Amino acid sequence: MCNNALTKCFLTRLADFGTSTMGGTEARVAGGSTKGIAGFPNYPINMVTRLASGGFISLDTVGPLSGKTFTATWDRSGGTVPITLGTAR
């Protein structure tokens, strides 16, 4: 979320989305065959918030990949965090 001048921007609190199942997730890399996302190298993306006492705490729990399906479960909202936008490339 940003003001019109893009000088004050924030990552807002994570909405309570309950548990969501993502199914039928497929991809293809430049001329390769289409396959479920479990067939590709997977790198976790962790949604976290900084703790006032130091360190971080996770905002969600993501289940393991199973062929073309995985689940994500909301754990907590976290806080609003100010960010600085970089220049467009």
PDB file of N, CA and C in Angstrom:
ATOM      1  N   MET A   1       0.847  -1.150   0.000  1.00  0.00           N
ATOM      2  CA  MET A   1       0.000   0.000   0.000  1.00  0.00           C
ATOM      3  C   MET A   1       0.904   1.227   0.000  1.00  0.00           C
ATOM      4  N   CYS A   2       0.628   2.179  -0.909  1.00  0.00           N
ATOM      5  CA  CYS A   2       1.445   3.390  -1.020  1.00  0.00           C
ATOM      6  C   CYS A   2       0.558   4.624  -1.173  1.00  0.00           C
ATOM      7  N   ASN A   3       1.123   5.780  -0.842  1.00  0.00           N
ATOM      8  CA  ASN A   3       0.432   7.023  -1.157  1.00  0.00           C
ATOM      9  C   ASN A   3       0.581   7.285  -2.662  1.00  0.00           C
ATOM     10  N   ASN A   4      -0.111   8.292  -3.194  1.00  0.00           N
ATOM     11  CA  ASN A   4      -0.084   8.564  -4.636  1.00  0.00           C
ATOM     12  C   ASN A   4       1.300   8.899  -5.157  1.00  0.00           C
ATOM     13  N   ALA A   5       2.140   9.516  -4.323  1.00  0.00           N
ATOM     14  CA  ALA A   5       3.488   9.896  -4.749  1.00  0.00           C
ATOM     15  C   ALA A   5       4.487   8.744  -4.620  1.00  0.00           C
ATOM     16  N   LEU A   6       4.041   7.614  -4.087  1.00  0.00           N
ATOM     17  CA  LEU A   6       4.884   6.432  -3.859  1.00  0.00           C
ATOM     18  C   LEU A   6       6.065   6.735  -2.932  1.00  0.00           C
ATOM     19  N   THR A   7       5.878   7.700  -2.027  1.00  0.00           N
ATOM     20  CA  THR A   7       6.950   8.046  -1.089  1.00  0.00           C
ATOM     21  C   THR A   7       6.770   7.397   0.273  1.00  0.00           C
ATOM     22  N   LYS A   8       5.561   6.946   0.572  1.00  0.00           N
ATOM     23  CA  LYS A   8       5.295   6.244   1.830  1.00  0.00           C
ATOM     24  C   LYS A   8       4.554   4.959   1.500  1.00  0.00           C
ATOM     25  N   CYS A   9       5.262   3.833   1.648  1.00  0.00           N
ATOM     26  CA  CYS A   9       4.691   2.532   1.303  1.00  0.00           C
ATOM     27  C   CYS A   9       4.799   1.580   2.491  1.00  0.00           C
ATOM     28  N   PHE A  10       3.877   0.627   2.550  1.00  0.00           N
ATOM     29  CA  PHE A  10       3.833  -0.323   3.661  1.00  0.00           C
ATOM     30  C   PHE A  10       3.403  -1.695   3.164  1.00  0.00           C
ATOM     31  N   LEU A  11       3.952  -2.735   3.754  1.00  0.00           N
ATOM     32  CA  LEU A  11       3.395  -4.077   3.635  1.00  0.00           C
ATOM     33  C   LEU A  11       2.362  -4.161   4.742  1.00  0.00           C
ATOM     34  N   THR A  12       1.139  -4.500   4.399  1.00  0.00           N
ATOM     35  CA  THR A  12       0.078  -4.515   5.395  1.00  0.00           C
ATOM     36  C   THR A  12      -0.057  -5.893   6.037  1.00  0.00           C
ATOM     37  N   ARG A  13      -0.859  -5.942   7.076  1.00  0.00           N
ATOM     38  CA  ARG A  13      -1.075  -7.188   7.807  1.00  0.00           C
ATOM     39  C   ARG A  13      -1.664  -8.262   6.890  1.00  0.00           C
ATOM     40  N   LEU A  14      -1.298  -9.516   7.143  1.00  0.00           N
ATOM     41  CA  LEU A  14      -1.783 -10.642   6.349  1.00  0.00           C
ATOM     42  C   LEU A  14      -3.218 -10.977   6.747  1.00  0.00           C
ATOM     43  N   ALA A  15      -4.125 -11.002   5.771  1.00  0.00           N
ATOM     44  CA  ALA A  15      -5.529 -11.333   6.029  1.00  0.00           C
ATOM     45  C   ALA A  15      -5.657 -12.795   6.445  1.00  0.00           C
ATOM     46  N   ASP A  16      -6.647 -13.081   7.278  1.00  0.00           N
ATOM     47  CA  ASP A  16      -6.917 -14.463   7.706  1.00  0.00           C
ATOM     48  C   ASP A  16      -7.597 -15.191   6.554  1.00  0.00           C
ATOM     49  N   PHE A  17      -6.825 -15.974   5.808  1.00  0.00           N
ATOM     50  CA  PHE A  17      -7.368 -16.710   4.662  1.00  0.00           C
ATOM     51  C   PHE A  17      -7.704 -18.153   5.010  1.00  0.00           C
ATOM     52  N   GLY A  18      -7.631 -18.506   6.312  1.00  0.00           N
ATOM     53  CA  GLY A  18      -7.947 -19.869   6.729  1.00  0.00           C
ATOM     54  C   GLY A  18      -6.943 -20.852   6.151  1.00  0.00           C
ATOM     55  N   THR A  19      -7.446 -21.931   5.568  1.00  0.00           N
ATOM     56  CA  THR A  19      -6.597 -22.896   4.874  1.00  0.00           C
ATOM     57  C   THR A  19      -7.002 -22.906   3.410  1.00  0.00           C
ATOM     58  N   SER A  20      -6.036 -22.747   2.541  1.00  0.00           N
ATOM     59  CA  SER A  20      -6.289 -22.748   1.098  1.00  0.00           C
ATOM     60  C   SER A  20      -5.518 -23.888   0.462  1.00  0.00           C
ATOM     61  N   THR A  21      -6.180 -24.607  -0.419  1.00  0.00           N
ATOM     62  CA  THR A  21      -5.529 -25.674  -1.171  1.00  0.00           C
ATOM     63  C   THR A  21      -5.339 -25.204  -2.599  1.00  0.00           C
ATOM     64  N   MET A  22      -4.104 -25.255  -3.064  1.00  0.00           N
ATOM     65  CA  MET A  22      -3.782 -24.899  -4.440  1.00  0.00           C
ATOM     66  C   MET A  22      -3.649 -26.206  -5.208  1.00  0.00           C
ATOM     67  N   GLY A  23      -4.477 -26.420  -6.204  1.00  0.00           N
ATOM     68  CA  GLY A  23      -4.457 -27.664  -6.949  1.00  0.00           C
ATOM     69  C   GLY A  23      -4.306 -27.427  -8.437  1.00  0.00           C
ATOM     70  N   GLY A  24      -3.840 -28.418  -9.138  1.00  0.00           N
ATOM     71  CA  GLY A  24      -3.672 -28.324 -10.579  1.00  0.00           C
ATOM     72  C   GLY A  24      -2.554 -27.375 -10.983  1.00  0.00           C
ATOM     73  N   THR A  25      -1.603 -27.154 -10.076  1.00  0.00           N
ATOM     74  CA  THR A  25      -0.517 -26.215 -10.352  1.00  0.00           C
ATOM     75  C   THR A  25       0.509 -26.879 -11.264  1.00  0.00           C
ATOM     76  N   GLU A  26       0.659 -26.316 -12.451  1.00  0.00           N
ATOM     77  CA  GLU A  26       1.583 -26.845 -13.457  1.00  0.00           C
ATOM     78  C   GLU A  26       2.436 -25.722 -14.016  1.00  0.00           C
ATOM     79  N   ALA A  27       3.554 -26.098 -14.572  1.00  0.00           N
ATOM     80  CA  ALA A  27       4.437 -25.130 -15.217  1.00  0.00           C
ATOM     81  C   ALA A  27       5.229 -25.845 -16.310  1.00  0.00           C
ATOM     82  N   ARG A  28       5.826 -25.029 -17.177  1.00  0.00           N
ATOM     83  CA  ARG A  28       6.676 -25.546 -18.246  1.00  0.00           C
ATOM     84  C   ARG A  28       7.821 -24.566 -18.398  1.00  0.00           C
ATOM     85  N   VAL A  29       9.024 -25.070 -18.539  1.00  0.00           N
ATOM     86  CA  VAL A  29      10.199 -24.221 -18.714  1.00  0.00           C
ATOM     87  C   VAL A  29      10.635 -24.282 -20.170  1.00  0.00           C
ATOM     88  N   ALA A  30      10.697 -23.129 -20.819  1.00  0.00           N
ATOM     89  CA  ALA A  30      11.196 -22.928 -22.183  1.00  0.00           C
ATOM     90  C   ALA A  30      11.312 -24.191 -23.027  1.00  0.00           C
ATOM     91  N   GLY A  31      10.215 -24.611 -23.588  1.00  0.00           N
ATOM     92  CA  GLY A  31      10.231 -25.736 -24.511  1.00  0.00           C
ATOM     93  C   GLY A  31      10.169 -27.110 -23.864  1.00  0.00           C
ATOM     94  N   GLY A  32      10.214 -27.179 -22.556  1.00  0.00           N
ATOM     95  CA  GLY A  32      10.130 -28.459 -21.859  1.00  0.00           C
ATOM     96  C   GLY A  32       8.698 -28.945 -21.779  1.00  0.00           C
ATOM     97  N   SER A  33       8.503 -30.066 -21.135  1.00  0.00           N
ATOM     98  CA  SER A  33       7.157 -30.611 -20.991  1.00  0.00           C
ATOM     99  C   SER A  33       6.471 -30.014 -19.756  1.00  0.00           C
ATOM    100  N   THR A  34       5.151 -29.965 -19.795  1.00  0.00           N
ATOM    101  CA  THR A  34       4.360 -29.470 -18.675  1.00  0.00           C
ATOM    102  C   THR A  34       4.327 -30.533 -17.589  1.00  0.00           C
ATOM    103  N   LYS A  35       4.537 -30.097 -16.341  1.00  0.00           N
ATOM    104  CA  LYS A  35       4.480 -31.033 -15.217  1.00  0.00           C
ATOM    105  C   LYS A  35       4.021 -30.303 -13.968  1.00  0.00           C
ATOM    106  N   GLY A  36       3.612 -31.078 -12.967  1.00  0.00           N
ATOM    107  CA  GLY A  36       3.203 -30.506 -11.695  1.00  0.00           C
ATOM    108  C   GLY A  36       4.366 -29.805 -11.019  1.00  0.00           C
ATOM    109  N   ILE A  37       4.065 -28.823 -10.161  1.00  0.00           N
ATOM    110  CA  ILE A  37       5.143 -28.040  -9.558  1.00  0.00           C
ATOM    111  C   ILE A  37       6.082 -28.871  -8.689  1.00  0.00           C
ATOM    112  N   ALA A  38       5.651 -30.028  -8.224  1.00  0.00           N
ATOM    113  CA  ALA A  38       6.540 -30.879  -7.430  1.00  0.00           C
ATOM    114  C   ALA A  38       7.678 -31.429  -8.287  1.00  0.00           C
ATOM    115  N   GLY A  39       7.544 -31.361  -9.614  1.00  0.00           N
ATOM    116  CA  GLY A  39       8.580 -31.852 -10.516  1.00  0.00           C
ATOM    117  C   GLY A  39       9.700 -30.852 -10.764  1.00  0.00           C
ATOM    118  N   PHE A  40       9.640 -29.678 -10.123  1.00  0.00           N
ATOM    119  CA  PHE A  40      10.664 -28.648 -10.278  1.00  0.00           C
ATOM    120  C   PHE A  40      11.387 -28.438  -8.956  1.00  0.00           C
ATOM    121  N   PRO A  41      12.590 -27.865  -8.986  1.00  0.00           N
ATOM    122  CA  PRO A  41      13.235 -27.510  -7.720  1.00  0.00           C
ATOM    123  C   PRO A  41      12.343 -26.502  -6.987  1.00  0.00           C
ATOM    124  N   ASN A  42      12.122 -26.717  -5.719  1.00  0.00           N
ATOM    125  CA  ASN A  42      11.253 -25.840  -4.938  1.00  0.00           C
ATOM    126  C   ASN A  42      12.043 -25.139  -3.853  1.00  0.00           C
ATOM    127  N   TYR A  43      11.830 -23.841  -3.762  1.00  0.00           N
ATOM    128  CA  TYR A  43      12.492 -23.012  -2.754  1.00  0.00           C
ATOM    129  C   TYR A  43      11.402 -22.379  -1.898  1.00  0.00           C
ATOM    130  N   PRO A  44      11.444 -22.595  -0.598  1.00  0.00           N
ATOM    131  CA  PRO A  44      10.382 -22.053   0.256  1.00  0.00           C
ATOM    132  C   PRO A  44      10.398 -20.527   0.277  1.00  0.00           C
ATOM    133  N   ILE A  45       9.221 -19.962   0.297  1.00  0.00           N
ATOM    134  CA  ILE A  45       9.042 -18.529   0.505  1.00  0.00           C
ATOM    135  C   ILE A  45       8.297 -18.407   1.822  1.00  0.00           C
ATOM    136  N   ASN A  46       8.952 -17.871   2.819  1.00  0.00           N
ATOM    137  CA  ASN A  46       8.353 -17.783   4.141  1.00  0.00           C
ATOM    138  C   ASN A  46       7.788 -16.394   4.394  1.00  0.00           C
ATOM    139  N   MET A  47       6.510 -16.334   4.763  1.00  0.00           N
ATOM    140  CA  MET A  47       5.906 -15.069   5.171  1.00  0.00           C
ATOM    141  C   MET A  47       6.178 -14.928   6.658  1.00  0.00           C
ATOM    142  N   VAL A  48       6.920 -13.905   7.028  1.00  0.00           N
ATOM    143  CA  VAL A  48       7.316 -13.726   8.423  1.00  0.00           C
ATOM    144  C   VAL A  48       7.085 -12.285   8.865  1.00  0.00           C
ATOM    145  N   THR A  49       7.099 -12.088  10.174  1.00  0.00           N
ATOM    146  CA  THR A  49       7.079 -10.748  10.742  1.00  0.00           C
ATOM    147  C   THR A  49       8.166 -10.676  11.805  1.00  0.00           C
ATOM    148  N   ARG A  50       8.723  -9.488  11.972  1.00  0.00           N
ATOM    149  CA  ARG A  50       9.780  -9.280  12.954  1.00  0.00           C
ATOM    150  C   ARG A  50       9.155  -9.162  14.341  1.00  0.00           C
ATOM    151  N   LEU A  51       9.782  -9.805  15.320  1.00  0.00           N
ATOM    152  CA  LEU A  51       9.344  -9.710  16.707  1.00  0.00           C
ATOM    153  C   LEU A  51      10.017  -8.521  17.386  1.00  0.00           C
ATOM    154  N   ALA A  52       9.305  -7.858  18.279  1.00  0.00           N
ATOM    155  CA  ALA A  52       9.873  -6.716  19.012  1.00  0.00           C
ATOM    156  C   ALA A  52      11.098  -7.144  19.816  1.00  0.00           C
ATOM    157  N   SER A  53      11.116  -8.381  20.280  1.00  0.00           N
ATOM    158  CA  SER A  53      12.232  -8.894  21.084  1.00  0.00           C
ATOM    159  C   SER A  53      13.403  -9.363  20.227  1.00  0.00           C
ATOM    160  N   GLY A  54      13.273  -9.265  18.893  1.00  0.00           N
ATOM    161  CA  GLY A  54      14.302  -9.741  17.978  1.00  0.00           C
ATOM    162  C   GLY A  54      13.856 -11.040  17.328  1.00  0.00           C
ATOM    163  N   GLY A  55      14.394 -11.336  16.189  1.00  0.00           N
ATOM    164  CA  GLY A  55      14.027 -12.555  15.481  1.00  0.00           C
ATOM    165  C   GLY A  55      12.752 -12.382  14.673  1.00  0.00           C
ATOM    166  N   PHE A  56      12.249 -13.495  14.163  1.00  0.00           N
ATOM    167  CA  PHE A  56      11.086 -13.491  13.289  1.00  0.00           C
ATOM    168  C   PHE A  56      10.145 -14.613  13.693  1.00  0.00           C
ATOM    169  N   ILE A  57       8.879 -14.489  13.301  1.00  0.00           N
ATOM    170  CA  ILE A  57       7.902 -15.557  13.504  1.00  0.00           C
ATOM    171  C   ILE A  57       7.108 -15.728  12.210  1.00  0.00           C
ATOM    172  N   SER A  58       6.805 -16.967  11.879  1.00  0.00           N
ATOM    173  CA  SER A  58       6.095 -17.284  10.638  1.00  0.00           C
ATOM    174  C   SER A  58       4.636 -16.859  10.725  1.00  0.00           C
ATOM    175  N   LEU A  59       4.087 -16.389   9.595  1.00  0.00           N
ATOM    176  CA  LEU A  59       2.688 -15.986   9.529  1.00  0.00           C
ATOM    177  C   LEU A  59       1.786 -17.071   8.962  1.00  0.00           C
ATOM    178  N   ASP A  60       2.375 -18.091   8.338  1.00  0.00           N
ATOM    179  CA  ASP A  60       1.577 -19.168   7.772  1.00  0.00           C
ATOM    180  C   ASP A  60       2.346 -20.473   7.815  1.00  0.00           C
ATOM    181  N   THR A  61       1.624 -21.555   7.538  1.00  0.00           N
ATOM    182  CA  THR A  61       2.230 -22.875   7.445  1.00  0.00           C
ATOM    183  C   THR A  61       1.888 -23.441   6.074  1.00  0.00           C
ATOM    184  N   VAL A  62       2.896 -23.869   5.323  1.00  0.00           N
ATOM    185  CA  VAL A  62       2.680 -24.437   3.993  1.00  0.00           C
ATOM    186  C   VAL A  62       2.980 -25.921   4.059  1.00  0.00           C
ATOM    187  N   GLY A  63       2.026 -26.714   3.581  1.00  0.00           N
ATOM    188  CA  GLY A  63       2.190 -28.157   3.587  1.00  0.00           C
ATOM    189  C   GLY A  63       3.102 -28.620   2.461  1.00  0.00           C
ATOM    190  N   PRO A  64       3.464 -29.901   2.476  1.00  0.00           N
ATOM    191  CA  PRO A  64       4.350 -30.427   1.432  1.00  0.00           C
ATOM    192  C   PRO A  64       3.650 -30.484   0.077  1.00  0.00           C
ATOM    193  N   LEU A  65       4.449 -30.441  -0.975  1.00  0.00           N
ATOM    194  CA  LEU A  65       3.926 -30.604  -2.323  1.00  0.00           C
ATOM    195  C   LEU A  65       3.537 -32.054  -2.541  1.00  0.00           C
ATOM    196  N   SER A  66       2.433 -32.253  -3.223  1.00  0.00           N
ATOM    197  CA  SER A  66       1.994 -33.588  -3.566  1.00  0.00           C
ATOM    198  C   SER A  66       1.529 -33.546  -5.015  1.00  0.00           C
ATOM    199  N   GLY A  67       2.434 -33.864  -5.938  1.00  0.00           N
ATOM    200  CA  GLY A  67       2.104 -33.793  -7.366  1.00  0.00           C
ATOM    201  C   GLY A  67       1.839 -32.369  -7.804  1.00  0.00           C
ATOM    202  N   LYS A  68       0.562 -32.000  -7.915  1.00  0.00           N
ATOM    203  CA  LYS A  68       0.184 -30.659  -8.355  1.00  0.00           C
ATOM    204  C   LYS A  68      -0.552 -29.880  -7.264  1.00  0.00           C
ATOM    205  N   THR A  69      -0.465 -30.323  -6.020  1.00  0.00           N
ATOM    206  CA  THR A  69      -1.272 -29.738  -4.948  1.00  0.00           C
ATOM    207  C   THR A  69      -0.440 -29.427  -3.711  1.00  0.00           C
ATOM    208  N   PHE A  70      -0.796 -28.324  -3.032  1.00  0.00           N
ATOM    209  CA  PHE A  70      -0.255 -28.020  -1.710  1.00  0.00           C
ATOM    210  C   PHE A  70      -1.255 -27.142  -0.965  1.00  0.00           C
ATOM    211  N   THR A  71      -1.117 -27.058   0.348  1.00  0.00           N
ATOM    212  CA  THR A  71      -1.997 -26.225   1.152  1.00  0.00           C
ATOM    213  C   THR A  71      -1.186 -25.163   1.887  1.00  0.00           C
ATOM    214  N   ALA A  72      -1.844 -24.050   2.164  1.00  0.00           N
ATOM    215  CA  ALA A  72      -1.273 -22.986   2.983  1.00  0.00           C
ATOM    216  C   ALA A  72      -2.307 -22.645   4.048  1.00  0.00           C
ATOM    217  N   THR A  73      -1.869 -22.504   5.301  1.00  0.00           N
ATOM    218  CA  THR A  73      -2.765 -22.197   6.414  1.00  0.00           C
ATOM    219  C   THR A  73      -2.303 -20.931   7.114  1.00  0.00           C
ATOM    220  N   TRP A  74      -3.225 -19.986   7.284  1.00  0.00           N
ATOM    221  CA  TRP A  74      -2.948 -18.740   7.994  1.00  0.00           C
ATOM    222  C   TRP A  74      -2.722 -19.049   9.471  1.00  0.00           C
ATOM    223  N   ASP A  75      -1.661 -18.467  10.058  1.00  0.00           N
ATOM    224  CA  ASP A  75      -1.382 -18.641  11.485  1.00  0.00           C
ATOM    225  C   ASP A  75      -1.605 -17.353  12.267  1.00  0.00           C
ATOM    226  N   ARG A  76      -1.180 -16.215  11.700  1.00  0.00           N
ATOM    227  CA  ARG A  76      -1.304 -14.922  12.390  1.00  0.00           C
ATOM    228  C   ARG A  76      -1.158 -13.803  11.379  1.00  0.00           C
ATOM    229  N   SER A  77      -1.576 -12.604  11.758  1.00  0.00           N
ATOM    230  CA  SER A  77      -1.576 -11.464  10.837  1.00  0.00           C
ATOM    231  C   SER A  77      -0.243 -10.757  10.702  1.00  0.00           C
ATOM    232  N   GLY A  78       0.549 -10.711  11.768  1.00  0.00           N
ATOM    233  CA  GLY A  78       1.775  -9.930  11.720  1.00  0.00           C
ATOM    234  C   GLY A  78       1.459  -8.458  11.853  1.00  0.00           C
ATOM    235  N   GLY A  79       2.399  -7.611  11.473  1.00  0.00           N
ATOM    236  CA  GLY A  79       2.216  -6.175  11.609  1.00  0.00           C
ATOM    237  C   GLY A  79       2.375  -5.459  10.286  1.00  0.00           C
ATOM    238  N   THR A  80       2.091  -4.160  10.297  1.00  0.00           N
ATOM    239  CA  THR A  80       2.311  -3.315   9.134  1.00  0.00           C
ATOM    240  C   THR A  80       3.763  -2.860   9.151  1.00  0.00           C
ATOM    241  N   VAL A  81       4.448  -2.993   8.004  1.00  0.00           N
ATOM    242  CA  VAL A  81       5.879  -2.716   7.931  1.00  0.00           C
ATOM    243  C   VAL A  81       6.159  -1.679   6.852  1.00  0.00           C
ATOM    244  N   PRO A  82       6.856  -0.569   7.192  1.00  0.00           N
ATOM    245  CA  PRO A  82       7.209   0.409   6.155  1.00  0.00           C
ATOM    246  C   PRO A  82       8.273  -0.163   5.212  1.00  0.00           C
ATOM    247  N   ILE A  83       8.161   0.151   3.919  1.00  0.00           N
ATOM    248  CA  ILE A  83       9.151  -0.307   2.933  1.00  0.00           C
ATOM    249  C   ILE A  83       9.559   0.857   2.044  1.00  0.00           C
ATOM    250  N   THR A  84      10.694   0.725   1.388  1.00  0.00           N
ATOM    251  CA  THR A  84      11.177   1.717   0.426  1.00  0.00           C
ATOM    252  C   THR A  84      11.183   1.074  -0.948  1.00  0.00           C
ATOM    253  N   LEU A  85      10.557   1.735  -1.903  1.00  0.00           N
ATOM    254  CA  LEU A  85      10.534   1.201  -3.265  1.00  0.00           C
ATOM    255  C   LEU A  85      11.821   1.564  -3.982  1.00  0.00           C
ATOM    256  N   GLY A  86      12.314   0.632  -4.818  1.00  0.00           N
ATOM    257  CA  GLY A  86      13.500   0.895  -5.624  1.00  0.00           C
ATOM    258  C   GLY A  86      13.104   1.505  -6.956  1.00  0.00           C
ATOM    259  N   THR A  87      14.081   1.832  -7.760  1.00  0.00           N
ATOM    260  CA  THR A  87      13.813   2.390  -9.084  1.00  0.00           C
ATOM    261  C   THR A  87      13.408   1.285 -10.045  1.00  0.00           C
ATOM    262  N   ALA A  88      12.595   1.634 -11.010  1.00  0.00           N
ATOM    263  CA  ALA A  88      12.161   0.662 -12.027  1.00  0.00           C
ATOM    264  C   ALA A  88      13.331   0.300 -12.918  1.00  0.00           C
ATOM    265  N   ARG A  89      13.373  -0.940 -13.377  1.00  0.00           N
ATOM    266  CA  ARG A  89      14.450  -1.387 -14.260  1.00  0.00           C
ATOM    267  C   ARG A  89      13.904  -1.789 -15.584  1.00  0.00           C
TER     268      ARG A  89
END
